Amino acid sequence: KVNVIDRCSPKANRCFWFKSNQWHNATPPKDHQTRI
């Protein structure tokens, strides 16, 4: 849980998938009202 190995930015109609046993988190938006 130290080094970032991949990341994906939100874009409508984009899918980002990975193994479920992988450490991950989401980041709240700073420049938009919502991230859905």
All heavy atoms as atom14 arrays in JSON, in Angstrom:
{
  "sequence": "KVNVIDRCSPKANRCFWFKSNQWHNATPPKDHQTRI",
  "atom14_mask": [
    [1, 1, 1, 1, 1, 1, 1, 1, 1, 0, 0, 0, 0, 0],
    [1, 1, 1, 1, 1, 1, 1, 0, 0, 0, 0, 0, 0, 0],
    [1, 1, 1, 1, 1, 1, 1, 1, 0, 0, 0, 0, 0, 0],
    [1, 1, 1, 1, 1, 1, 1, 0, 0, 0, 0, 0, 0, 0],
    [1, 1, 1, 1, 1, 1, 1, 1, 0, 0, 0, 0, 0, 0],
    [1, 1, 1, 1, 1, 1, 1, 1, 0, 0, 0, 0, 0, 0],
    [1, 1, 1, 1, 1, 1, 1, 1, 1, 1, 1, 0, 0, 0],
    [1, 1, 1, 1, 1, 1, 0, 0, 0, 0, 0, 0, 0, 0],
    [1, 1, 1, 1, 1, 1, 0, 0, 0, 0, 0, 0, 0, 0],
    [1, 1, 1, 1, 1, 1, 1, 0, 0, 0, 0, 0, 0, 0],
    [1, 1, 1, 1, 1, 1, 1, 1, 1, 0, 0, 0, 0, 0],
    [1, 1, 1, 1, 1, 0, 0, 0, 0, 0, 0, 0, 0, 0],
    [1, 1, 1, 1, 1, 1, 1, 1, 0, 0, 0, 0, 0, 0],
    [1, 1, 1, 1, 1, 1, 1, 1, 1, 1, 1, 0, 0, 0],
    [1, 1, 1, 1, 1, 1, 0, 0, 0, 0, 0, 0, 0, 0],
    [1, 1, 1, 1, 1, 1, 1, 1, 1, 1, 1, 0, 0, 0],
    [1, 1, 1, 1, 1, 1, 1, 1, 1, 1, 1, 1, 1, 1],
    [1, 1, 1, 1, 1, 1, 1, 1, 1, 1, 1, 0, 0, 0],
    [1, 1, 1, 1, 1, 1, 1, 1, 1, 0, 0, 0, 0, 0],
    [1, 1, 1, 1, 1, 1, 0, 0, 0, 0, 0, 0, 0, 0],
    [1, 1, 1, 1, 1, 1, 1, 1, 0, 0, 0, 0, 0, 0],
    [1, 1, 1, 1, 1, 1, 1, 1, 1, 0, 0, 0, 0, 0],
    [1, 1, 1, 1, 1, 1, 1, 1, 1, 1, 1, 1, 1, 1],
    [1, 1, 1, 1, 1, 1, 1, 1, 1, 1, 0, 0, 0, 0],
    [1, 1, 1, 1, 1, 1, 1, 1, 0, 0, 0, 0, 0, 0],
    [1, 1, 1, 1, 1, 0, 0, 0, 0, 0, 0, 0, 0, 0],
    [1, 1, 1, 1, 1, 1, 1, 0, 0, 0, 0, 0, 0, 0],
    [1, 1, 1, 1, 1, 1, 1, 0, 0, 0, 0, 0, 0, 0],
    [1, 1, 1, 1, 1, 1, 1, 0, 0, 0, 0, 0, 0, 0],
    [1, 1, 1, 1, 1, 1, 1, 1, 1, 0, 0, 0, 0, 0],
    [1, 1, 1, 1, 1, 1, 1, 1, 0, 0, 0, 0, 0, 0],
    [1, 1, 1, 1, 1, 1, 1, 1, 1, 1, 0, 0, 0, 0],
    [1, 1, 1, 1, 1, 1, 1, 1, 1, 0, 0, 0, 0, 0],
    [1, 1, 1, 1, 1, 1, 1, 0, 0, 0, 0, 0, 0, 0],
    [1, 1, 1, 1, 1, 1, 1, 1, 1, 1, 1, 0, 0, 0],
    [1, 1, 1, 1, 1, 1, 1, 1, 0, 0, 0, 0, 0, 0]
  ],
  "atom14_positions": [
    [[0.82, -1.22, 0.0], [0.0, 0.0, 0.0], [0.86, 1.27, 0.0], [0.46, 2.29, 0.55], [-0.95, 0.02, 1.21], [-1.94, -1.11, 1.23], [-2.99, -0.92, 2.33], [-2.39, -1.03, 3.71], [-3.42, -0.89, 4.77], [0.0, 0.0, 0.0], [0.0, 0.0, 0.0], [0.0, 0.0, 0.0], [0.0, 0.0, 0.0], [0.0, 0.0, 0.0]],
    [[2.03, 1.2, -0.61], [2.97, 2.33, -0.61], [3.09, 2.93, -2.0], [2.87, 4.13, -2.2], [4.36, 1.89, -0.09], [5.35, 3.05, -0.23], [4.26, 1.42, 1.36], [0.0, 0.0, 0.0], [0.0, 0.0, 0.0], [0.0, 0.0, 0.0], [0.0, 0.0, 0.0], [0.0, 0.0, 0.0], [0.0, 0.0, 0.0], [0.0, 0.0, 0.0]],
    [[3.46, 2.12, -2.95], [3.74, 2.61, -4.3], [2.51, 2.49, -5.21], [1.81, 1.48, -5.19], [4.9, 1.82, -4.92], [6.18, 1.97, -4.13], [6.62, 3.09, -3.83], [6.79, 0.85, -3.75], [0.0, 0.0, 0.0], [0.0, 0.0, 0.0], [0.0, 0.0, 0.0], [0.0, 0.0, 0.0], [0.0, 0.0, 0.0], [0.0, 0.0, 0.0]],
    [[2.28, 3.52, -6.0], [1.2, 3.51, -6.99], [1.68, 2.72, -8.21], [2.73, 3.02, -8.77], [0.82, 4.94, -7.41], [-0.19, 4.91, -8.55], [0.26, 5.71, -6.21], [0.0, 0.0, 0.0], [0.0, 0.0, 0.0], [0.0, 0.0, 0.0], [0.0, 0.0, 0.0], [0.0, 0.0, 0.0], [0.0, 0.0, 0.0], [0.0, 0.0, 0.0]],
    [[0.91, 1.73, -8.62], [1.3, 0.93, -9.78], [0.4, 1.17, -10.99], [0.75, 0.79, -12.11], [1.35, -0.57, -9.45], [-0.01, -1.1, -9.02], [2.41, -0.86, -8.4], [-0.02, -2.6, -8.8], [0.0, 0.0, 0.0], [0.0, 0.0, 0.0], [0.0, 0.0, 0.0], [0.0, 0.0, 0.0], [0.0, 0.0, 0.0], [0.0, 0.0, 0.0]],
    [[-0.75, 1.8, -10.77], [-1.61, 2.15, -11.89], [-2.66, 3.14, -11.41], [-2.93, 3.23, -10.21], [-2.29, 0.91, -12.48], [-2.58, 1.04, -13.97], [-2.48, 2.17, -14.49], [-2.89, 0.03, -14.61], [0.0, 0.0, 0.0], [0.0, 0.0, 0.0], [0.0, 0.0, 0.0], [0.0, 0.0, 0.0], [0.0, 0.0, 0.0], [0.0, 0.0, 0.0]],
    [[-3.23, 3.9, -12.35], [-4.29, 4.84, -11.99], [-5.12, 5.12, -13.24], [-4.66, 4.95, -14.37], [-3.72, 6.12, -11.4], [-2.87, 6.94, -12.3], [-2.08, 7.99, -11.51], [-2.95, 8.74, -10.61], [-2.59, 9.13, -9.38], [-1.39, 8.84, -8.92], [-3.42, 9.81, -8.63], [0.0, 0.0, 0.0], [0.0, 0.0, 0.0], [0.0, 0.0, 0.0]],
    [[-6.36, 5.56, -13.01], [-7.26, 5.85, -14.13], [-8.08, 7.08, -13.8], [-8.62, 7.21, -12.69], [-8.17, 4.66, -14.38], [-9.29, 4.84, -15.8], [0.0, 0.0, 0.0], [0.0, 0.0, 0.0], [0.0, 0.0, 0.0], [0.0, 0.0, 0.0], [0.0, 0.0, 0.0], [0.0, 0.0, 0.0], [0.0, 0.0, 0.0], [0.0, 0.0, 0.0]],
    [[-8.18, 8.01, -14.75], [-8.95, 9.23, -14.57], [-10.39, 9.04, -15.04], [-10.64, 8.33, -16.02], [-8.32, 10.39, -15.35], [-7.01, 10.64, -14.88], [0.0, 0.0, 0.0], [0.0, 0.0, 0.0], [0.0, 0.0, 0.0], [0.0, 0.0, 0.0], [0.0, 0.0, 0.0], [0.0, 0.0, 0.0], [0.0, 0.0, 0.0], [0.0, 0.0, 0.0]],
    [[-11.35, 9.66, -14.35], [-12.76, 9.51, -14.73], [-13.08, 10.13, -16.08], [-12.71, 11.27, -16.35], [-13.51, 10.24, -13.61], [-12.55, 10.33, -12.47], [-11.2, 10.43, -13.11], [0.0, 0.0, 0.0], [0.0, 0.0, 0.0], [0.0, 0.0, 0.0], [0.0, 0.0, 0.0], [0.0, 0.0, 0.0], [0.0, 0.0, 0.0], [0.0, 0.0, 0.0]],
    [[-13.76, 9.37, -16.9], [-14.27, 9.84, -18.18], [-15.56, 9.09, -18.44], [-15.6, 7.86, -18.29], [-13.25, 9.57, -19.3], [-13.74, 9.99, -20.68], [-12.73, 9.61, -21.75], [-13.23, 9.95, -23.14], [-12.29, 9.51, -24.2], [0.0, 0.0, 0.0], [0.0, 0.0, 0.0], [0.0, 0.0, 0.0], [0.0, 0.0, 0.0], [0.0, 0.0, 0.0]],
    [[-16.61, 9.8, -18.8], [-17.9, 9.17, -19.02], [-17.79, 8.01, -20.02], [-17.13, 8.14, -21.06], [-18.91, 10.2, -19.52], [0.0, 0.0, 0.0], [0.0, 0.0, 0.0], [0.0, 0.0, 0.0], [0.0, 0.0, 0.0], [0.0, 0.0, 0.0], [0.0, 0.0, 0.0], [0.0, 0.0, 0.0], [0.0, 0.0, 0.0], [0.0, 0.0, 0.0]],
    [[-18.4, 6.89, -19.68], [-18.43, 5.68, -20.5], [-17.08, 4.98, -20.58], [-16.79, 4.25, -21.5], [-18.95, 5.97, -21.91], [-19.56, 4.75, -22.56], [-19.86, 3.74, -21.9], [-19.77, 4.82, -23.87], [0.0, 0.0, 0.0], [0.0, 0.0, 0.0], [0.0, 0.0, 0.0], [0.0, 0.0, 0.0], [0.0, 0.0, 0.0], [0.0, 0.0, 0.0]],
    [[-16.25, 5.2, -19.57], [-14.98, 4.48, -19.45], [-15.12, 3.41, -18.37], [-15.74, 3.62, -17.34], [-13.85, 5.44, -19.1], [-12.54, 4.77, -18.68], [-11.44, 5.8, -18.45], [-11.0, 6.39, -19.71], [-10.17, 7.43, -19.8], [-9.75, 8.03, -18.7], [-9.8, 7.88, -20.99], [0.0, 0.0, 0.0], [0.0, 0.0, 0.0], [0.0, 0.0, 0.0]],
    [[-14.52, 2.26, -18.62], [-14.47, 1.18, -17.64], [-13.01, 0.92, -17.26], [-12.14, 0.88, -18.13], [-15.1, -0.1, -18.22], [-14.93, -1.58, -17.19], [0.0, 0.0, 0.0], [0.0, 0.0, 0.0], [0.0, 0.0, 0.0], [0.0, 0.0, 0.0], [0.0, 0.0, 0.0], [0.0, 0.0, 0.0], [0.0, 0.0, 0.0], [0.0, 0.0, 0.0]],
    [[-12.78, 0.76, -15.97], [-11.44, 0.44, -15.48], [-11.57, -0.78, -14.58], [-12.32, -0.76, -13.62], [-10.88, 1.63, -14.69], [-9.47, 1.43, -14.19], [-8.43, 1.18, -15.06], [-9.19, 1.53, -12.82], [-7.13, 1.02, -14.61], [-7.89, 1.38, -12.35], [-6.85, 1.11, -13.25], [0.0, 0.0, 0.0], [0.0, 0.0, 0.0], [0.0, 0.0, 0.0]],
    [[-10.86, -1.86, -14.94], [-11.02, -3.09, -14.16], [-9.69, -3.66, -13.71], [-8.65, -3.41, -14.3], [-11.85, -4.11, -14.93], [-11.25, -4.7, -16.17], [-11.28, -4.16, -17.43], [-10.57, -5.95, -16.3], [-10.65, -5.0, -18.32], [-10.21, -6.11, -17.66], [-10.24, -6.96, -15.4], [-9.53, -7.23, -18.12], [-9.56, -8.07, -15.87], [-9.21, -8.19, -17.22]],
    [[-9.75, -4.44, -12.63], [-8.54, -4.94, -11.98], [-8.93, -6.11, -11.08], [-10.12, -6.37, -10.84], [-7.87, -3.84, -11.16], [-8.83, -3.04, -10.31], [-9.11, -3.43, -9.01], [-9.46, -1.9, -10.81], [-10.0, -2.71, -8.22], [-10.35, -1.17, -10.03], [-10.62, -1.59, -8.74], [0.0, 0.0, 0.0], [0.0, 0.0, 0.0], [0.0, 0.0, 0.0]],
    [[-7.94, -6.79, -10.57], [-8.2, -7.91, -9.66], [-8.77, -7.37, -8.34], [-8.27, -6.38, -7.8], [-6.92, -8.7, -9.41], [-6.41, -9.43, -10.65], [-5.0, -9.95, -10.48], [-4.94, -11.09, -9.48], [-3.6, -11.73, -9.47], [0.0, 0.0, 0.0], [0.0, 0.0, 0.0], [0.0, 0.0, 0.0], [0.0, 0.0, 0.0], [0.0, 0.0, 0.0]],
    [[-9.77, -8.04, -7.82], [-10.47, -7.55, -6.64], [-9.63, -7.59, -5.37], [-9.93, -6.91, -4.39], [-11.76, -8.35, -6.41], [-12.63, -8.22, -7.5], [0.0, 0.0, 0.0], [0.0, 0.0, 0.0], [0.0, 0.0, 0.0], [0.0, 0.0, 0.0], [0.0, 0.0, 0.0], [0.0, 0.0, 0.0], [0.0, 0.0, 0.0], [0.0, 0.0, 0.0]],
    [[-8.57, -8.42, -5.37], [-7.71, -8.5, -4.19], [-6.53, -7.54, -4.26], [-5.54, -7.7, -3.56], [-7.21, -9.93, -3.97], [-6.42, -10.48, -5.15], [-6.14, -9.75, -6.1], [-6.05, -11.75, -5.1], [0.0, 0.0, 0.0], [0.0, 0.0, 0.0], [0.0, 0.0, 0.0], [0.0, 0.0, 0.0], [0.0, 0.0, 0.0], [0.0, 0.0, 0.0]],
    [[-6.67, -6.52, -5.1], [-5.64, -5.51, -5.25], [-6.01, -4.27, -4.41], [-7.16, -3.82, -4.4], [-5.51, -5.1, -6.72], [-4.36, -4.16, -7.01], [-3.01, -4.83, -6.84], [-2.89, -6.05, -6.96], [-1.99, -4.04, -6.55], [0.0, 0.0, 0.0], [0.0, 0.0, 0.0], [0.0, 0.0, 0.0], [0.0, 0.0, 0.0], [0.0, 0.0, 0.0]],
    [[-5.03, -3.73, -3.67], [-5.25, -2.51, -2.91], [-5.57, -1.35, -3.84], [-4.88, -1.14, -4.85], [-4.02, -2.16, -2.08], [-3.67, -3.11, -0.98], [-2.61, -3.96, -0.93], [-4.38, -3.3, 0.25], [-2.62, -4.67, 0.25], [-3.69, -4.29, 1.0], [-5.54, -2.72, 0.8], [-4.12, -4.71, 2.25], [-5.96, -3.15, 2.05], [-5.25, -4.12, 2.76]],
    [[-6.6, -0.58, -3.51], [-6.97, 0.56, -4.35], [-7.8, 1.56, -3.55], [-8.28, 1.24, -2.46], [-7.75, 0.09, -5.59], [-9.08, -0.53, -5.26], [-9.21, -1.83, -4.81], [-10.34, -0.04, -5.29], [-10.47, -2.12, -4.6], [-11.19, -1.03, -4.87], [0.0, 0.0, 0.0], [0.0, 0.0, 0.0], [0.0, 0.0, 0.0], [0.0, 0.0, 0.0]],
    [[-7.97, 2.74, -4.1], [-8.9, 3.71, -3.53], [-9.36, 4.68, -4.61], [-8.81, 4.73, -5.71], [-8.3, 4.45, -2.33], [-7.14, 5.36, -2.69], [-6.65, 5.36, -3.82], [-6.66, 6.15, -1.73], [0.0, 0.0, 0.0], [0.0, 0.0, 0.0], [0.0, 0.0, 0.0], [0.0, 0.0, 0.0], [0.0, 0.0, 0.0], [0.0, 0.0, 0.0]],
    [[-10.39, 5.42, -4.26], [-10.91, 6.48, -5.13], [-10.47, 7.83, -4.58], [-10.16, 7.96, -3.4], [-12.43, 6.4, -5.2], [0.0, 0.0, 0.0], [0.0, 0.0, 0.0], [0.0, 0.0, 0.0], [0.0, 0.0, 0.0], [0.0, 0.0, 0.0], [0.0, 0.0, 0.0], [0.0, 0.0, 0.0], [0.0, 0.0, 0.0], [0.0, 0.0, 0.0]],
    [[-10.46, 8.83, -5.45], [-10.07, 10.18, -5.05], [-11.25, 11.13, -5.26], [-11.8, 11.18, -6.36], [-8.88, 10.68, -5.89], [-7.84, 9.7, -5.87], [-8.37, 12.0, -5.36], [0.0, 0.0, 0.0], [0.0, 0.0, 0.0], [0.0, 0.0, 0.0], [0.0, 0.0, 0.0], [0.0, 0.0, 0.0], [0.0, 0.0, 0.0], [0.0, 0.0, 0.0]],
    [[-11.67, 11.86, -4.23], [-12.76, 12.83, -4.41], [-12.37, 13.9, -5.43], [-11.2, 14.27, -5.54], [-12.94, 13.43, -3.01], [-12.4, 12.4, -2.07], [-11.26, 11.77, -2.81], [0.0, 0.0, 0.0], [0.0, 0.0, 0.0], [0.0, 0.0, 0.0], [0.0, 0.0, 0.0], [0.0, 0.0, 0.0], [0.0, 0.0, 0.0], [0.0, 0.0, 0.0]],
    [[-13.35, 14.43, -6.16], [-13.04, 15.45, -7.17], [-12.74, 16.81, -6.55], [-13.31, 17.18, -5.53], [-14.34, 15.51, -8.0], [-15.41, 15.12, -7.02], [-14.78, 14.09, -6.12], [0.0, 0.0, 0.0], [0.0, 0.0, 0.0], [0.0, 0.0, 0.0], [0.0, 0.0, 0.0], [0.0, 0.0, 0.0], [0.0, 0.0, 0.0], [0.0, 0.0, 0.0]],
    [[-11.84, 17.53, -7.18], [-11.53, 18.9, -6.76], [-12.08, 19.93, -7.73], [-12.38, 21.06, -7.34], [-10.01, 19.08, -6.64], [-9.37, 18.28, -5.52], [-7.88, 18.58, -5.43], [-7.23, 17.8, -4.29], [-5.78, 18.1, -4.17], [0.0, 0.0, 0.0], [0.0, 0.0, 0.0], [0.0, 0.0, 0.0], [0.0, 0.0, 0.0], [0.0, 0.0, 0.0]],
    [[-12.21, 19.56, -9.01], [-12.59, 20.51, -10.05], [-14.01, 20.31, -10.57], [-14.47, 21.08, -11.42], [-11.61, 20.4, -11.23], [-10.18, 20.67, -10.81], [-9.97, 21.54, -9.95], [-9.27, 19.99, -11.33], [0.0, 0.0, 0.0], [0.0, 0.0, 0.0], [0.0, 0.0, 0.0], [0.0, 0.0, 0.0], [0.0, 0.0, 0.0], [0.0, 0.0, 0.0]],
    [[-14.68, 19.26, -10.11], [-16.06, 18.98, -10.52], [-16.93, 18.78, -9.29], [-16.43, 18.39, -8.23], [-16.14, 17.73, -11.4], [-15.43, 17.86, -12.72], [-14.06, 17.78, -12.83], [-15.91, 18.06, -13.97], [-13.71, 17.93, -14.11], [-14.81, 18.11, -14.81], [0.0, 0.0, 0.0], [0.0, 0.0, 0.0], [0.0, 0.0, 0.0], [0.0, 0.0, 0.0]],
    [[-18.22, 19.04, -9.44], [-19.13, 18.92, -8.3], [-19.27, 17.47, -7.84], [-19.39, 17.22, -6.63], [-20.5, 19.48, -8.65], [-20.55, 21.0, -8.75], [-21.97, 21.5, -8.94], [-22.81, 20.83, -9.53], [-22.23, 22.71, -8.44], [0.0, 0.0, 0.0], [0.0, 0.0, 0.0], [0.0, 0.0, 0.0], [0.0, 0.0, 0.0], [0.0, 0.0, 0.0]],
    [[-19.3, 16.55, -8.78], [-19.5, 15.14, -8.43], [-18.6, 14.22, -9.24], [-18.16, 14.57, -10.35], [-20.97, 14.7, -8.68], [-21.28, 14.86, -10.07], [-21.93, 15.49, -7.83], [0.0, 0.0, 0.0], [0.0, 0.0, 0.0], [0.0, 0.0, 0.0], [0.0, 0.0, 0.0], [0.0, 0.0, 0.0], [0.0, 0.0, 0.0], [0.0, 0.0, 0.0]],
    [[-18.34, 13.08, -8.68], [-17.66, 11.97, -9.37], [-18.54, 10.75, -9.14], [-18.63, 10.21, -8.04], [-16.27, 11.74, -8.77], [-15.52, 10.51, -9.28], [-14.29, 10.28, -8.41], [-13.45, 9.18, -8.86], [-13.61, 7.91, -8.52], [-14.63, 7.55, -7.72], [-12.76, 6.98, -8.95], [0.0, 0.0, 0.0], [0.0, 0.0, 0.0], [0.0, 0.0, 0.0]],
    [[-19.24, 10.32, -10.19], [-20.21, 9.24, -10.06], [-19.7, 8.01, -10.8], [-19.33, 8.08, -11.98], [-21.59, 9.64, -10.63], [-22.07, 10.94, -9.97], [-22.61, 8.53, -10.41], [-23.37, 11.48, -10.56], [0.0, 0.0, 0.0], [0.0, 0.0, 0.0], [0.0, 0.0, 0.0], [0.0, 0.0, 0.0], [0.0, 0.0, 0.0], [0.0, 0.0, 0.0]]
  ]
}
